Amino acid sequence: MKRIALIHTVASVFEGFESQLRAGLDQEVIIHNILDDFLATNPIETGTFTETNVKRLRNDIENAALTGCDVVVVSCSTLSPVVERLRNQFTTPIITIDEAMAKKAVESGKNIVVLATAESTVIPTVTKLQSTAKAMGKEVSVSSFVNMDAIAALRAGDKETHDRLVLELSDNAAQADVCVLAQASMAHMEEAINEKLGIPVFSSPKLCIAQVAAFLKD
């Protein structure tokens, strides 16, 4: 049986991603979870992803790999650029949550708006979109908008306020070709924003799960 190790930084993603992943796979798998919220909260507090956090993430990946898993999946976009730095230090394959989303967004339009609820996620997501576009030989314009009150509400257990603020934030994408939701914790708002704006809206979990499913079939 295939084995997957998941690394999370947000409790709501930790609580829901495994069940989504199992539902999106056509085979039974063994799944292990690591929740390390400090990797997300500390950059919000300090404004930077410190070298100490790089070491912490390296340890998390090493611990995940020590399960003997076939693949490690990192479910936080804030970590994606650091994962790229660390990837070649491990023989276990690593998939980041935003890889498939970035490719789909770049394929779908030139004017891309990124919505986020954590400032620490913005630069990694924008950079991922730009590097993906470059690799695909496409030109894109990427802008971003953040409402940190939304993630604060979610961390406090107030999902209703979080969802209202995210929906209000989506007004900034009204003239875009594509809207990208930067965090997996925003994914459940994809349909509502699509209905509101009438443009393609992409979040990471479903596309990441499809990528994992394809990987496990190879």
N, C-alpha and C. Protein backbone atom coordinates (compact mmCIF):
# COMPACT_ATOMS: atom_id res chain seq x y z
N MET A 1 0.85 -1.20 0.00
CA MET A 1 0.00 0.00 0.00
C MET A 1 0.88 1.25 0.00
N LYS A 2 0.51 2.24 -0.81
CA LYS A 2 1.28 3.47 -0.89
C LYS A 2 1.10 4.28 0.40
N ARG A 3 2.14 5.06 0.71
CA ARG A 3 2.17 5.82 1.95
C ARG A 3 2.47 7.29 1.63
N ILE A 4 1.71 8.22 2.24
CA ILE A 4 1.87 9.65 2.01
C ILE A 4 2.07 10.35 3.35
N ALA A 5 3.02 11.28 3.40
CA ALA A 5 3.22 12.10 4.60
C ALA A 5 2.84 13.54 4.27
N LEU A 6 1.99 14.12 5.09
CA LEU A 6 1.50 15.49 4.88
C LEU A 6 2.09 16.42 5.93
N ILE A 7 2.55 17.61 5.49
CA ILE A 7 3.05 18.63 6.40
C ILE A 7 2.13 19.84 6.30
N HIS A 8 1.54 20.24 7.44
CA HIS A 8 0.58 21.34 7.48
C HIS A 8 1.06 22.45 8.41
N THR A 9 0.51 23.66 8.22
CA THR A 9 0.78 24.76 9.15
C THR A 9 -0.51 25.38 9.69
N VAL A 10 -1.65 25.00 9.15
CA VAL A 10 -2.93 25.57 9.57
C VAL A 10 -3.85 24.45 10.05
N ALA A 11 -4.44 24.62 11.22
CA ALA A 11 -5.23 23.55 11.83
C ALA A 11 -6.41 23.14 10.96
N SER A 12 -7.07 24.10 10.31
CA SER A 12 -8.24 23.76 9.51
C SER A 12 -7.86 22.90 8.31
N VAL A 13 -6.68 23.13 7.75
CA VAL A 13 -6.20 22.30 6.64
C VAL A 13 -5.79 20.93 7.16
N PHE A 14 -5.13 20.91 8.30
CA PHE A 14 -4.77 19.65 8.95
C PHE A 14 -6.00 18.79 9.19
N GLU A 15 -7.09 19.42 9.59
CA GLU A 15 -8.31 18.69 9.93
C GLU A 15 -9.05 18.18 8.70
N GLY A 16 -8.91 18.87 7.56
CA GLY A 16 -9.73 18.52 6.41
C GLY A 16 -9.02 17.93 5.21
N PHE A 17 -7.71 18.16 5.08
CA PHE A 17 -7.04 17.79 3.83
C PHE A 17 -6.94 16.28 3.64
N GLU A 18 -6.70 15.56 4.71
CA GLU A 18 -6.56 14.10 4.58
C GLU A 18 -7.81 13.47 4.00
N SER A 19 -8.98 13.87 4.50
CA SER A 19 -10.22 13.29 3.99
C SER A 19 -10.45 13.67 2.53
N GLN A 20 -10.10 14.90 2.15
CA GLN A 20 -10.20 15.31 0.75
C GLN A 20 -9.27 14.49 -0.12
N LEU A 21 -8.05 14.28 0.38
CA LEU A 21 -7.07 13.50 -0.38
C LEU A 21 -7.55 12.07 -0.58
N ARG A 22 -8.03 11.46 0.46
CA ARG A 22 -8.52 10.07 0.34
C ARG A 22 -9.67 9.99 -0.67
N ALA A 23 -10.55 10.99 -0.64
CA ALA A 23 -11.69 10.99 -1.55
C ALA A 23 -11.26 11.16 -3.00
N GLY A 24 -10.11 11.82 -3.21
CA GLY A 24 -9.65 12.10 -4.56
C GLY A 24 -8.74 11.03 -5.14
N LEU A 25 -8.42 10.00 -4.37
CA LEU A 25 -7.55 8.93 -4.84
C LEU A 25 -8.38 7.69 -5.17
N ASP A 26 -7.90 6.92 -6.13
CA ASP A 26 -8.62 5.70 -6.50
C ASP A 26 -7.99 4.46 -5.88
N GLN A 27 -7.24 4.66 -4.81
CA GLN A 27 -6.62 3.55 -4.12
C GLN A 27 -6.53 3.85 -2.62
N GLU A 28 -6.46 2.80 -1.83
CA GLU A 28 -6.26 2.97 -0.40
C GLU A 28 -4.81 3.34 -0.13
N VAL A 29 -4.61 4.28 0.78
CA VAL A 29 -3.26 4.71 1.13
C VAL A 29 -3.14 4.84 2.64
N ILE A 30 -1.90 4.83 3.12
CA ILE A 30 -1.60 5.13 4.51
C ILE A 30 -1.12 6.58 4.55
N ILE A 31 -1.70 7.37 5.45
CA ILE A 31 -1.37 8.80 5.51
C ILE A 31 -0.89 9.16 6.91
N HIS A 32 0.21 9.91 6.96
CA HIS A 32 0.74 10.45 8.21
C HIS A 32 0.70 11.97 8.13
N ASN A 33 0.42 12.63 9.25
CA ASN A 33 0.29 14.08 9.28
C ASN A 33 1.26 14.71 10.27
N ILE A 34 1.83 15.84 9.86
CA ILE A 34 2.60 16.69 10.76
C ILE A 34 1.97 18.08 10.73
N LEU A 35 1.64 18.63 11.90
CA LEU A 35 1.13 19.99 12.01
C LEU A 35 2.18 20.84 12.73
N ASP A 36 2.68 21.85 12.02
CA ASP A 36 3.68 22.75 12.61
C ASP A 36 3.23 24.19 12.32
N ASP A 37 2.33 24.71 13.18
CA ASP A 37 1.76 26.02 12.92
C ASP A 37 2.77 27.15 13.10
N PHE A 38 3.85 26.90 13.82
CA PHE A 38 4.87 27.93 14.03
C PHE A 38 5.47 28.38 12.70
N LEU A 39 5.57 27.48 11.74
CA LEU A 39 6.15 27.82 10.44
C LEU A 39 5.32 28.86 9.70
N ALA A 40 4.05 28.98 10.04
CA ALA A 40 3.20 30.00 9.41
C ALA A 40 3.01 31.21 10.31
N THR A 41 2.85 30.99 11.61
CA THR A 41 2.58 32.12 12.50
C THR A 41 3.81 32.98 12.73
N ASN A 42 4.98 32.37 12.79
CA ASN A 42 6.20 33.16 13.03
C ASN A 42 6.50 34.13 11.89
N PRO A 43 6.41 33.73 10.61
CA PRO A 43 6.61 34.70 9.54
C PRO A 43 5.60 35.84 9.56
N ILE A 44 4.38 35.56 10.00
CA ILE A 44 3.38 36.62 10.11
C ILE A 44 3.81 37.62 11.18
N GLU A 45 4.33 37.12 12.30
CA GLU A 45 4.75 37.98 13.40
C GLU A 45 6.02 38.76 13.09
N THR A 46 6.96 38.13 12.40
CA THR A 46 8.28 38.73 12.20
C THR A 46 8.46 39.36 10.82
N GLY A 47 7.61 38.99 9.87
CA GLY A 47 7.74 39.53 8.52
C GLY A 47 8.78 38.83 7.67
N THR A 48 9.33 37.72 8.15
CA THR A 48 10.36 37.02 7.39
C THR A 48 10.35 35.54 7.73
N PHE A 49 10.86 34.73 6.80
CA PHE A 49 11.01 33.30 7.06
C PHE A 49 12.47 33.08 7.43
N THR A 50 12.73 32.91 8.70
CA THR A 50 14.09 32.91 9.23
C THR A 50 14.84 31.62 8.89
N GLU A 51 16.14 31.67 9.02
CA GLU A 51 16.94 30.47 8.81
C GLU A 51 16.62 29.41 9.86
N THR A 52 16.21 29.85 11.04
CA THR A 52 15.77 28.89 12.05
C THR A 52 14.56 28.12 11.56
N ASN A 53 13.64 28.82 10.89
CA ASN A 53 12.47 28.15 10.34
C ASN A 53 12.83 27.24 9.18
N VAL A 54 13.84 27.62 8.42
CA VAL A 54 14.33 26.73 7.36
C VAL A 54 14.79 25.41 7.97
N LYS A 55 15.54 25.50 9.07
CA LYS A 55 16.00 24.29 9.75
C LYS A 55 14.81 23.50 10.28
N ARG A 56 13.83 24.23 10.80
CA ARG A 56 12.64 23.56 11.35
C ARG A 56 11.90 22.80 10.25
N LEU A 57 11.74 23.46 9.09
CA LEU A 57 11.07 22.80 7.98
C LEU A 57 11.87 21.60 7.48
N ARG A 58 13.19 21.75 7.42
CA ARG A 58 14.04 20.63 7.01
C ARG A 58 13.82 19.44 7.95
N ASN A 59 13.74 19.72 9.25
CA ASN A 59 13.49 18.65 10.22
C ASN A 59 12.12 18.01 10.00
N ASP A 60 11.12 18.84 9.70
CA ASP A 60 9.78 18.30 9.45
C ASP A 60 9.77 17.39 8.23
N ILE A 61 10.46 17.82 7.16
CA ILE A 61 10.52 17.00 5.96
C ILE A 61 11.27 15.70 6.24
N GLU A 62 12.36 15.80 6.99
CA GLU A 62 13.12 14.60 7.34
C GLU A 62 12.26 13.64 8.15
N ASN A 63 11.52 14.17 9.13
CA ASN A 63 10.65 13.32 9.93
C ASN A 63 9.55 12.68 9.08
N ALA A 64 9.03 13.46 8.12
CA ALA A 64 8.02 12.91 7.22
C ALA A 64 8.61 11.78 6.38
N ALA A 65 9.82 12.02 5.85
CA ALA A 65 10.46 11.01 5.01
C ALA A 65 10.79 9.75 5.80
N LEU A 66 11.04 9.90 7.10
CA LEU A 66 11.38 8.75 7.93
C LEU A 66 10.20 7.79 8.14
N THR A 67 9.01 8.20 7.73
CA THR A 67 7.87 7.28 7.77
C THR A 67 7.97 6.22 6.68
N GLY A 68 8.92 6.42 5.74
CA GLY A 68 9.02 5.50 4.61
C GLY A 68 7.99 5.79 3.53
N CYS A 69 7.50 7.02 3.51
CA CYS A 69 6.44 7.39 2.57
C CYS A 69 6.95 7.41 1.13
N ASP A 70 6.02 7.28 0.20
CA ASP A 70 6.33 7.38 -1.23
C ASP A 70 6.45 8.83 -1.67
N VAL A 71 5.77 9.73 -0.97
CA VAL A 71 5.81 11.15 -1.32
C VAL A 71 5.46 11.97 -0.09
N VAL A 72 6.11 13.13 0.01
CA VAL A 72 5.77 14.12 1.04
C VAL A 72 4.98 15.23 0.35
N VAL A 73 3.87 15.63 0.94
CA VAL A 73 3.06 16.72 0.41
C VAL A 73 3.05 17.85 1.43
N VAL A 74 3.48 19.05 1.01
CA VAL A 74 3.53 20.21 1.89
C VAL A 74 2.33 21.09 1.55
N SER A 75 1.42 21.27 2.51
CA SER A 75 0.12 21.88 2.23
C SER A 75 0.06 23.38 2.46
N CYS A 76 1.20 24.04 2.66
CA CYS A 76 1.22 25.48 2.93
C CYS A 76 2.05 26.21 1.88
N SER A 77 1.43 27.16 1.18
CA SER A 77 2.11 27.90 0.12
C SER A 77 3.27 28.73 0.64
N THR A 78 3.19 29.19 1.87
CA THR A 78 4.28 29.97 2.45
C THR A 78 5.59 29.19 2.43
N LEU A 79 5.50 27.89 2.52
CA LEU A 79 6.69 27.04 2.59
C LEU A 79 7.26 26.69 1.22
N SER A 80 6.52 26.92 0.15
CA SER A 80 6.91 26.42 -1.17
C SER A 80 8.30 26.87 -1.62
N PRO A 81 8.66 28.17 -1.50
CA PRO A 81 10.01 28.56 -1.94
C PRO A 81 11.11 27.89 -1.13
N VAL A 82 10.86 27.65 0.14
CA VAL A 82 11.87 27.01 0.98
C VAL A 82 11.97 25.53 0.62
N VAL A 83 10.84 24.91 0.30
CA VAL A 83 10.86 23.52 -0.14
C VAL A 83 11.73 23.39 -1.39
N GLU A 84 11.63 24.35 -2.30
CA GLU A 84 12.46 24.32 -3.50
C GLU A 84 13.95 24.34 -3.15
N ARG A 85 14.30 25.09 -2.12
CA ARG A 85 15.70 25.13 -1.66
C ARG A 85 16.15 23.80 -1.07
N LEU A 86 15.22 23.11 -0.43
CA LEU A 86 15.57 21.90 0.32
C LEU A 86 15.36 20.62 -0.47
N ARG A 87 14.63 20.71 -1.56
CA ARG A 87 14.17 19.50 -2.27
C ARG A 87 15.31 18.53 -2.61
N ASN A 88 16.43 19.08 -3.09
CA ASN A 88 17.52 18.20 -3.53
C ASN A 88 18.29 17.56 -2.38
N GLN A 89 17.91 17.90 -1.15
CA GLN A 89 18.56 17.27 0.01
C GLN A 89 17.88 15.95 0.40
N PHE A 90 16.79 15.63 -0.30
CA PHE A 90 16.02 14.44 0.06
C PHE A 90 15.81 13.55 -1.16
N THR A 91 15.83 12.26 -0.94
CA THR A 91 15.54 11.32 -2.02
C THR A 91 14.03 11.08 -2.16
N THR A 92 13.28 11.33 -1.10
CA THR A 92 11.83 11.18 -1.16
C THR A 92 11.23 12.32 -1.98
N PRO A 93 10.38 12.04 -2.95
CA PRO A 93 9.74 13.10 -3.74
C PRO A 93 8.89 14.02 -2.85
N ILE A 94 8.87 15.30 -3.18
CA ILE A 94 8.10 16.29 -2.42
C ILE A 94 7.20 17.05 -3.39
N ILE A 95 5.94 17.15 -3.07
CA ILE A 95 4.98 17.94 -3.85
C ILE A 95 4.50 19.09 -2.99
N THR A 96 4.54 20.31 -3.54
CA THR A 96 4.01 21.46 -2.82
C THR A 96 2.58 21.73 -3.26
N ILE A 97 1.83 22.30 -2.37
CA ILE A 97 0.40 22.49 -2.57
C ILE A 97 0.05 23.32 -3.79
N ASP A 98 0.96 24.24 -4.20
CA ASP A 98 0.61 25.21 -5.22
C ASP A 98 1.17 24.92 -6.61
N GLU A 99 1.88 23.82 -6.79
CA GLU A 99 2.49 23.52 -8.08
C GLU A 99 1.45 23.44 -9.20
N ALA A 100 0.46 22.58 -9.01
CA ALA A 100 -0.55 22.37 -10.05
C ALA A 100 -1.43 23.61 -10.23
N MET A 101 -1.72 24.30 -9.13
CA MET A 101 -2.54 25.51 -9.20
C MET A 101 -1.86 26.59 -10.04
N ALA A 102 -0.59 26.79 -9.84
CA ALA A 102 0.13 27.81 -10.60
C ALA A 102 0.10 27.50 -12.09
N LYS A 103 0.31 26.27 -12.45
CA LYS A 103 0.29 25.88 -13.86
C LYS A 103 -1.10 26.13 -14.47
N LYS A 104 -2.14 25.75 -13.74
CA LYS A 104 -3.51 25.93 -14.25
C LYS A 104 -3.85 27.40 -14.40
N ALA A 105 -3.44 28.23 -13.46
CA ALA A 105 -3.73 29.66 -13.51
C ALA A 105 -3.05 30.31 -14.70
N VAL A 106 -1.78 29.98 -14.91
CA VAL A 106 -1.03 30.56 -16.02
C VAL A 106 -1.62 30.12 -17.37
N GLU A 107 -2.10 28.90 -17.42
CA GLU A 107 -2.73 28.41 -18.65
C GLU A 107 -4.04 29.12 -18.95
N SER A 108 -4.67 29.68 -17.91
CA SER A 108 -6.04 30.18 -18.05
C SER A 108 -6.18 31.66 -18.31
N GLY A 109 -5.09 32.44 -18.18
CA GLY A 109 -5.22 33.87 -18.42
C GLY A 109 -3.95 34.63 -18.16
N LYS A 110 -3.90 35.86 -18.65
CA LYS A 110 -2.70 36.69 -18.52
C LYS A 110 -2.73 37.57 -17.28
N ASN A 111 -3.90 38.14 -16.98
CA ASN A 111 -4.06 39.05 -15.85
C ASN A 111 -4.54 38.26 -14.64
N ILE A 112 -3.63 37.98 -13.71
CA ILE A 112 -3.92 37.12 -12.57
C ILE A 112 -3.93 37.94 -11.29
N VAL A 113 -4.97 37.78 -10.49
CA VAL A 113 -5.05 38.42 -9.18
C VAL A 113 -4.97 37.35 -8.10
N VAL A 114 -4.06 37.57 -7.17
CA VAL A 114 -3.88 36.67 -6.03
C VAL A 114 -4.57 37.26 -4.81
N LEU A 115 -5.41 36.48 -4.17
CA LEU A 115 -6.04 36.88 -2.91
C LEU A 115 -5.43 36.06 -1.78
N ALA A 116 -5.13 36.73 -0.68
CA ALA A 116 -4.49 36.05 0.44
C ALA A 116 -5.01 36.60 1.76
N THR A 117 -4.86 35.80 2.80
CA THR A 117 -5.21 36.27 4.14
C THR A 117 -3.99 36.30 5.06
N ALA A 118 -2.84 35.94 4.52
CA ALA A 118 -1.57 36.01 5.27
C ALA A 118 -0.53 36.66 4.37
N GLU A 119 0.08 37.72 4.86
CA GLU A 119 1.08 38.44 4.07
C GLU A 119 2.23 37.52 3.67
N SER A 120 2.56 36.57 4.52
CA SER A 120 3.70 35.69 4.27
C SER A 120 3.48 34.78 3.06
N THR A 121 2.23 34.65 2.63
CA THR A 121 1.93 33.77 1.49
C THR A 121 2.02 34.49 0.16
N VAL A 122 1.97 35.82 0.18
CA VAL A 122 1.85 36.59 -1.06
C VAL A 122 3.07 36.42 -1.96
N ILE A 123 4.24 36.74 -1.44
CA ILE A 123 5.45 36.67 -2.28
C ILE A 123 5.68 35.25 -2.80
N PRO A 124 5.57 34.21 -1.97
CA PRO A 124 5.74 32.86 -2.50
C PRO A 124 4.77 32.53 -3.63
N THR A 125 3.50 32.96 -3.50
CA THR A 125 2.51 32.63 -4.53
C THR A 125 2.76 33.41 -5.80
N VAL A 126 3.02 34.71 -5.67
CA VAL A 126 3.31 35.53 -6.84
C VAL A 126 4.56 35.03 -7.55
N THR A 127 5.59 34.73 -6.78
CA THR A 127 6.83 34.21 -7.36
C THR A 127 6.60 32.89 -8.08
N LYS A 128 5.79 32.02 -7.48
CA LYS A 128 5.49 30.73 -8.10
C LYS A 128 4.78 30.93 -9.43
N LEU A 129 3.83 31.83 -9.48
CA LEU A 129 3.10 32.11 -10.72
C LEU A 129 4.05 32.66 -11.79
N GLN A 130 4.91 33.57 -11.40
CA GLN A 130 5.83 34.19 -12.35
C GLN A 130 6.85 33.17 -12.87
N SER A 131 7.39 32.35 -11.99
CA SER A 131 8.37 31.36 -12.42
C SER A 131 7.73 30.28 -13.28
N THR A 132 6.49 29.93 -12.96
CA THR A 132 5.76 28.95 -13.77
C THR A 132 5.50 29.50 -15.17
N ALA A 133 5.09 30.78 -15.23
CA ALA A 133 4.84 31.42 -16.53
C ALA A 133 6.12 31.45 -17.36
N LYS A 134 7.23 31.79 -16.73
CA LYS A 134 8.51 31.84 -17.44
C LYS A 134 8.87 30.47 -17.99
N ALA A 135 8.68 29.44 -17.17
CA ALA A 135 9.00 28.08 -17.62
C ALA A 135 8.09 27.64 -18.76
N MET A 136 6.88 28.18 -18.80
CA MET A 136 5.93 27.82 -19.86
C MET A 136 6.04 28.75 -21.07
N GLY A 137 6.91 29.74 -20.99
CA GLY A 137 7.09 30.67 -22.09
C GLY A 137 5.93 31.63 -22.28
N LYS A 138 5.28 31.99 -21.17
CA LYS A 138 4.14 32.90 -21.23
C LYS A 138 4.42 34.17 -20.42
N GLU A 139 3.77 35.25 -20.81
CA GLU A 139 3.86 36.50 -20.05
C GLU A 139 2.58 36.69 -19.25
N VAL A 140 2.72 37.03 -17.98
CA VAL A 140 1.55 37.26 -17.14
C VAL A 140 1.76 38.53 -16.32
N SER A 141 0.65 39.10 -15.91
CA SER A 141 0.66 40.22 -14.97
C SER A 141 0.01 39.72 -13.69
N VAL A 142 0.74 39.82 -12.59
CA VAL A 142 0.24 39.28 -11.33
C VAL A 142 0.17 40.39 -10.29
N SER A 143 -1.01 40.58 -9.70
CA SER A 143 -1.18 41.52 -8.60
C SER A 143 -1.78 40.78 -7.42
N SER A 144 -1.68 41.36 -6.23
CA SER A 144 -2.12 40.65 -5.03
C SER A 144 -2.83 41.58 -4.07
N PHE A 145 -3.73 41.00 -3.28
CA PHE A 145 -4.49 41.73 -2.28
C PHE A 145 -4.62 40.84 -1.04
N VAL A 146 -4.50 41.45 0.12
CA VAL A 146 -4.45 40.70 1.38
C VAL A 146 -5.43 41.27 2.39
N ASN A 147 -6.06 40.39 3.15
CA ASN A 147 -6.83 40.81 4.32
C ASN A 147 -6.45 39.88 5.47
N MET A 148 -5.57 40.37 6.34
CA MET A 148 -5.08 39.53 7.42
C MET A 148 -6.09 39.35 8.55
N ASP A 149 -7.12 40.19 8.57
CA ASP A 149 -8.18 40.01 9.57
C ASP A 149 -8.91 38.69 9.35
N ALA A 150 -8.93 38.25 8.10
CA ALA A 150 -9.65 37.02 7.77
C ALA A 150 -8.97 35.81 8.40
N ILE A 151 -7.65 35.70 8.26
CA ILE A 151 -6.96 34.55 8.84
C ILE A 151 -6.98 34.62 10.36
N ALA A 152 -6.97 35.85 10.91
CA ALA A 152 -7.07 35.99 12.36
C ALA A 152 -8.41 35.46 12.85
N ALA A 153 -9.47 35.75 12.09
CA ALA A 153 -10.80 35.26 12.46
C ALA A 153 -10.84 33.73 12.38
N LEU A 154 -10.24 33.18 11.32
CA LEU A 154 -10.25 31.73 11.17
C LEU A 154 -9.50 31.05 12.29
N ARG A 155 -8.35 31.62 12.68
CA ARG A 155 -7.57 31.03 13.76
C ARG A 155 -8.32 31.12 15.09
N ALA A 156 -9.22 32.10 15.19
CA ALA A 156 -10.03 32.25 16.40
C ALA A 156 -11.29 31.39 16.35
N GLY A 157 -11.46 30.65 15.27
CA GLY A 157 -12.62 29.78 15.14
C GLY A 157 -13.84 30.44 14.54
N ASP A 158 -13.68 31.66 14.02
CA ASP A 158 -14.81 32.40 13.44
C ASP A 158 -14.78 32.26 11.92
N LYS A 159 -15.23 31.11 11.42
CA LYS A 159 -15.20 30.84 9.98
C LYS A 159 -16.14 31.76 9.22
N GLU A 160 -17.26 32.14 9.83
CA GLU A 160 -18.23 33.00 9.15
C GLU A 160 -17.61 34.35 8.80
N THR A 161 -16.91 34.96 9.75
CA THR A 161 -16.24 36.24 9.49
C THR A 161 -15.15 36.07 8.45
N HIS A 162 -14.38 35.01 8.57
CA HIS A 162 -13.34 34.73 7.57
C HIS A 162 -13.92 34.69 6.17
N ASP A 163 -15.01 33.95 6.00
CA ASP A 163 -15.59 33.79 4.67
C ASP A 163 -16.14 35.10 4.13
N ARG A 164 -16.76 35.89 5.00
CA ARG A 164 -17.29 37.19 4.57
C ARG A 164 -16.17 38.11 4.12
N LEU A 165 -15.08 38.14 4.86
CA LEU A 165 -13.97 39.02 4.50
C LEU A 165 -13.29 38.57 3.22
N VAL A 166 -13.18 37.28 3.02
CA VAL A 166 -12.58 36.77 1.77
C VAL A 166 -13.46 37.11 0.58
N LEU A 167 -14.77 36.98 0.75
CA LEU A 167 -15.68 37.31 -0.34
C LEU A 167 -15.59 38.80 -0.67
N GLU A 168 -15.49 39.64 0.34
CA GLU A 168 -15.31 41.08 0.11
C GLU A 168 -13.98 41.36 -0.58
N LEU A 169 -12.95 40.64 -0.19
CA LEU A 169 -11.63 40.82 -0.78
C LEU A 169 -11.64 40.50 -2.27
N SER A 170 -12.50 39.59 -2.67
CA SER A 170 -12.55 39.18 -4.08
C SER A 170 -13.00 40.29 -5.01
N ASP A 171 -13.57 41.38 -4.48
CA ASP A 171 -13.93 42.53 -5.32
C ASP A 171 -12.71 43.03 -6.09
N ASN A 172 -11.53 42.86 -5.53
CA ASN A 172 -10.30 43.33 -6.16
C ASN A 172 -9.93 42.54 -7.41
N ALA A 173 -10.59 41.39 -7.62
CA ALA A 173 -10.30 40.56 -8.78
C ALA A 173 -11.36 40.69 -9.86
N ALA A 174 -12.25 41.66 -9.72
CA ALA A 174 -13.39 41.77 -10.63
C ALA A 174 -12.97 41.96 -12.09
N GLN A 175 -11.83 42.61 -12.33
CA GLN A 175 -11.39 42.88 -13.71
C GLN A 175 -10.30 41.92 -14.17
N ALA A 176 -10.02 40.91 -13.40
CA ALA A 176 -8.95 39.98 -13.74
C ALA A 176 -9.42 38.90 -14.70
N ASP A 177 -8.45 38.22 -15.32
CA ASP A 177 -8.77 37.04 -16.13
C ASP A 177 -8.89 35.80 -15.25
N VAL A 178 -8.09 35.79 -14.19
CA VAL A 178 -8.00 34.62 -13.31
C VAL A 178 -7.85 35.10 -11.87
N CYS A 179 -8.49 34.40 -10.94
CA CYS A 179 -8.32 34.68 -9.51
C CYS A 179 -7.69 33.46 -8.85
N VAL A 180 -6.65 33.70 -8.08
CA VAL A 180 -5.96 32.62 -7.37
C VAL A 180 -6.12 32.84 -5.87
N LEU A 181 -6.56 31.82 -5.17
CA LEU A 181 -6.66 31.86 -3.71
C LEU A 181 -5.38 31.27 -3.14
N ALA A 182 -4.62 32.10 -2.45
CA ALA A 182 -3.23 31.76 -2.13
C ALA A 182 -3.08 30.67 -1.09
N GLN A 183 -4.10 30.44 -0.28
CA GLN A 183 -3.95 29.49 0.82
C GLN A 183 -5.00 28.38 0.76
N ALA A 184 -4.60 27.20 1.17
CA ALA A 184 -5.53 26.08 1.19
C ALA A 184 -6.71 26.36 2.12
N SER A 185 -6.48 27.18 3.15
CA SER A 185 -7.55 27.52 4.09
C SER A 185 -8.65 28.36 3.46
N MET A 186 -8.41 28.88 2.24
CA MET A 186 -9.40 29.68 1.51
C MET A 186 -10.15 28.85 0.47
N ALA A 187 -9.77 27.60 0.29
CA ALA A 187 -10.24 26.81 -0.84
C ALA A 187 -11.76 26.65 -0.88
N HIS A 188 -12.38 26.57 0.29
CA HIS A 188 -13.83 26.36 0.32
C HIS A 188 -14.60 27.56 -0.22
N MET A 189 -13.91 28.69 -0.47
CA MET A 189 -14.55 29.88 -1.02
C MET A 189 -14.46 29.95 -2.55
N GLU A 190 -13.84 28.96 -3.15
CA GLU A 190 -13.62 28.98 -4.60
C GLU A 190 -14.93 29.11 -5.38
N GLU A 191 -15.91 28.30 -5.06
CA GLU A 191 -17.16 28.31 -5.80
C GLU A 191 -17.91 29.63 -5.62
N ALA A 192 -17.95 30.14 -4.38
CA ALA A 192 -18.67 31.39 -4.12
C ALA A 192 -18.04 32.56 -4.87
N ILE A 193 -16.73 32.60 -4.94
CA ILE A 193 -16.06 33.69 -5.64
C ILE A 193 -16.24 33.54 -7.14
N ASN A 194 -16.22 32.30 -7.63
CA ASN A 194 -16.46 32.06 -9.05
C ASN A 194 -17.86 32.55 -9.45
N GLU A 195 -18.84 32.25 -8.61
CA GLU A 195 -20.21 32.69 -8.90
C GLU A 195 -20.31 34.21 -8.86
N LYS A 196 -19.58 34.83 -7.98
CA LYS A 196 -19.63 36.28 -7.84
C LYS A 196 -18.94 36.99 -9.00
N LEU A 197 -17.78 36.50 -9.40
CA LEU A 197 -16.97 37.20 -10.39
C LEU A 197 -17.17 36.71 -11.83
N GLY A 198 -17.54 35.45 -11.98
CA GLY A 198 -17.72 34.90 -13.32
C GLY A 198 -16.43 34.68 -14.07
N ILE A 199 -15.31 34.48 -13.35
CA ILE A 199 -14.02 34.19 -13.96
C ILE A 199 -13.46 32.92 -13.32
N PRO A 200 -12.46 32.29 -13.96
CA PRO A 200 -11.86 31.11 -13.34
C PRO A 200 -11.24 31.46 -11.98
N VAL A 201 -11.54 30.65 -10.99
CA VAL A 201 -10.98 30.82 -9.64
C VAL A 201 -10.31 29.51 -9.25
N PHE A 202 -9.05 29.60 -8.88
CA PHE A 202 -8.30 28.39 -8.57
C PHE A 202 -7.78 28.42 -7.14
N SER A 203 -7.98 27.32 -6.44
CA SER A 203 -7.36 27.10 -5.14
C SER A 203 -6.53 25.83 -5.25
N SER A 204 -5.70 25.61 -4.27
CA SER A 204 -4.68 24.57 -4.43
C SER A 204 -5.10 23.14 -4.11
N PRO A 205 -5.96 22.87 -3.12
CA PRO A 205 -6.12 21.47 -2.69
C PRO A 205 -6.57 20.50 -3.77
N LYS A 206 -7.64 20.81 -4.51
CA LYS A 206 -8.14 19.86 -5.50
C LYS A 206 -7.10 19.56 -6.57
N LEU A 207 -6.43 20.60 -7.04
CA LEU A 207 -5.43 20.42 -8.09
C LEU A 207 -4.22 19.66 -7.56
N CYS A 208 -3.84 19.93 -6.32
CA CYS A 208 -2.74 19.20 -5.70
C CYS A 208 -3.09 17.72 -5.55
N ILE A 209 -4.32 17.45 -5.13
CA ILE A 209 -4.76 16.06 -4.96
C ILE A 209 -4.71 15.32 -6.29
N ALA A 210 -5.13 15.99 -7.36
CA ALA A 210 -5.05 15.37 -8.68
C ALA A 210 -3.59 15.07 -9.06
N GLN A 211 -2.70 15.99 -8.69
CA GLN A 211 -1.28 15.77 -8.95
C GLN A 211 -0.74 14.58 -8.17
N VAL A 212 -1.14 14.46 -6.92
CA VAL A 212 -0.72 13.33 -6.09
C VAL A 212 -1.25 12.02 -6.67
N ALA A 213 -2.50 12.04 -7.09
CA ALA A 213 -3.10 10.84 -7.67
C ALA A 213 -2.35 10.38 -8.91
N ALA A 214 -1.98 11.35 -9.76
CA ALA A 214 -1.22 11.02 -10.97
C ALA A 214 0.16 10.48 -10.61
N PHE A 215 0.78 11.09 -9.59
CA PHE A 215 2.10 10.63 -9.16
C PHE A 215 2.05 9.18 -8.68
N LEU A 216 1.04 8.84 -7.89
CA LEU A 216 0.96 7.50 -7.32
C LEU A 216 0.69 6.44 -8.39
N LYS A 217 0.15 6.84 -9.54
CA LYS A 217 -0.14 5.88 -10.63
C LYS A 217 1.11 5.58 -11.44
N ASP A 218 2.10 6.49 -11.39
CA ASP A 218 3.33 6.30 -12.20
C ASP A 218 4.17 5.15 -11.67
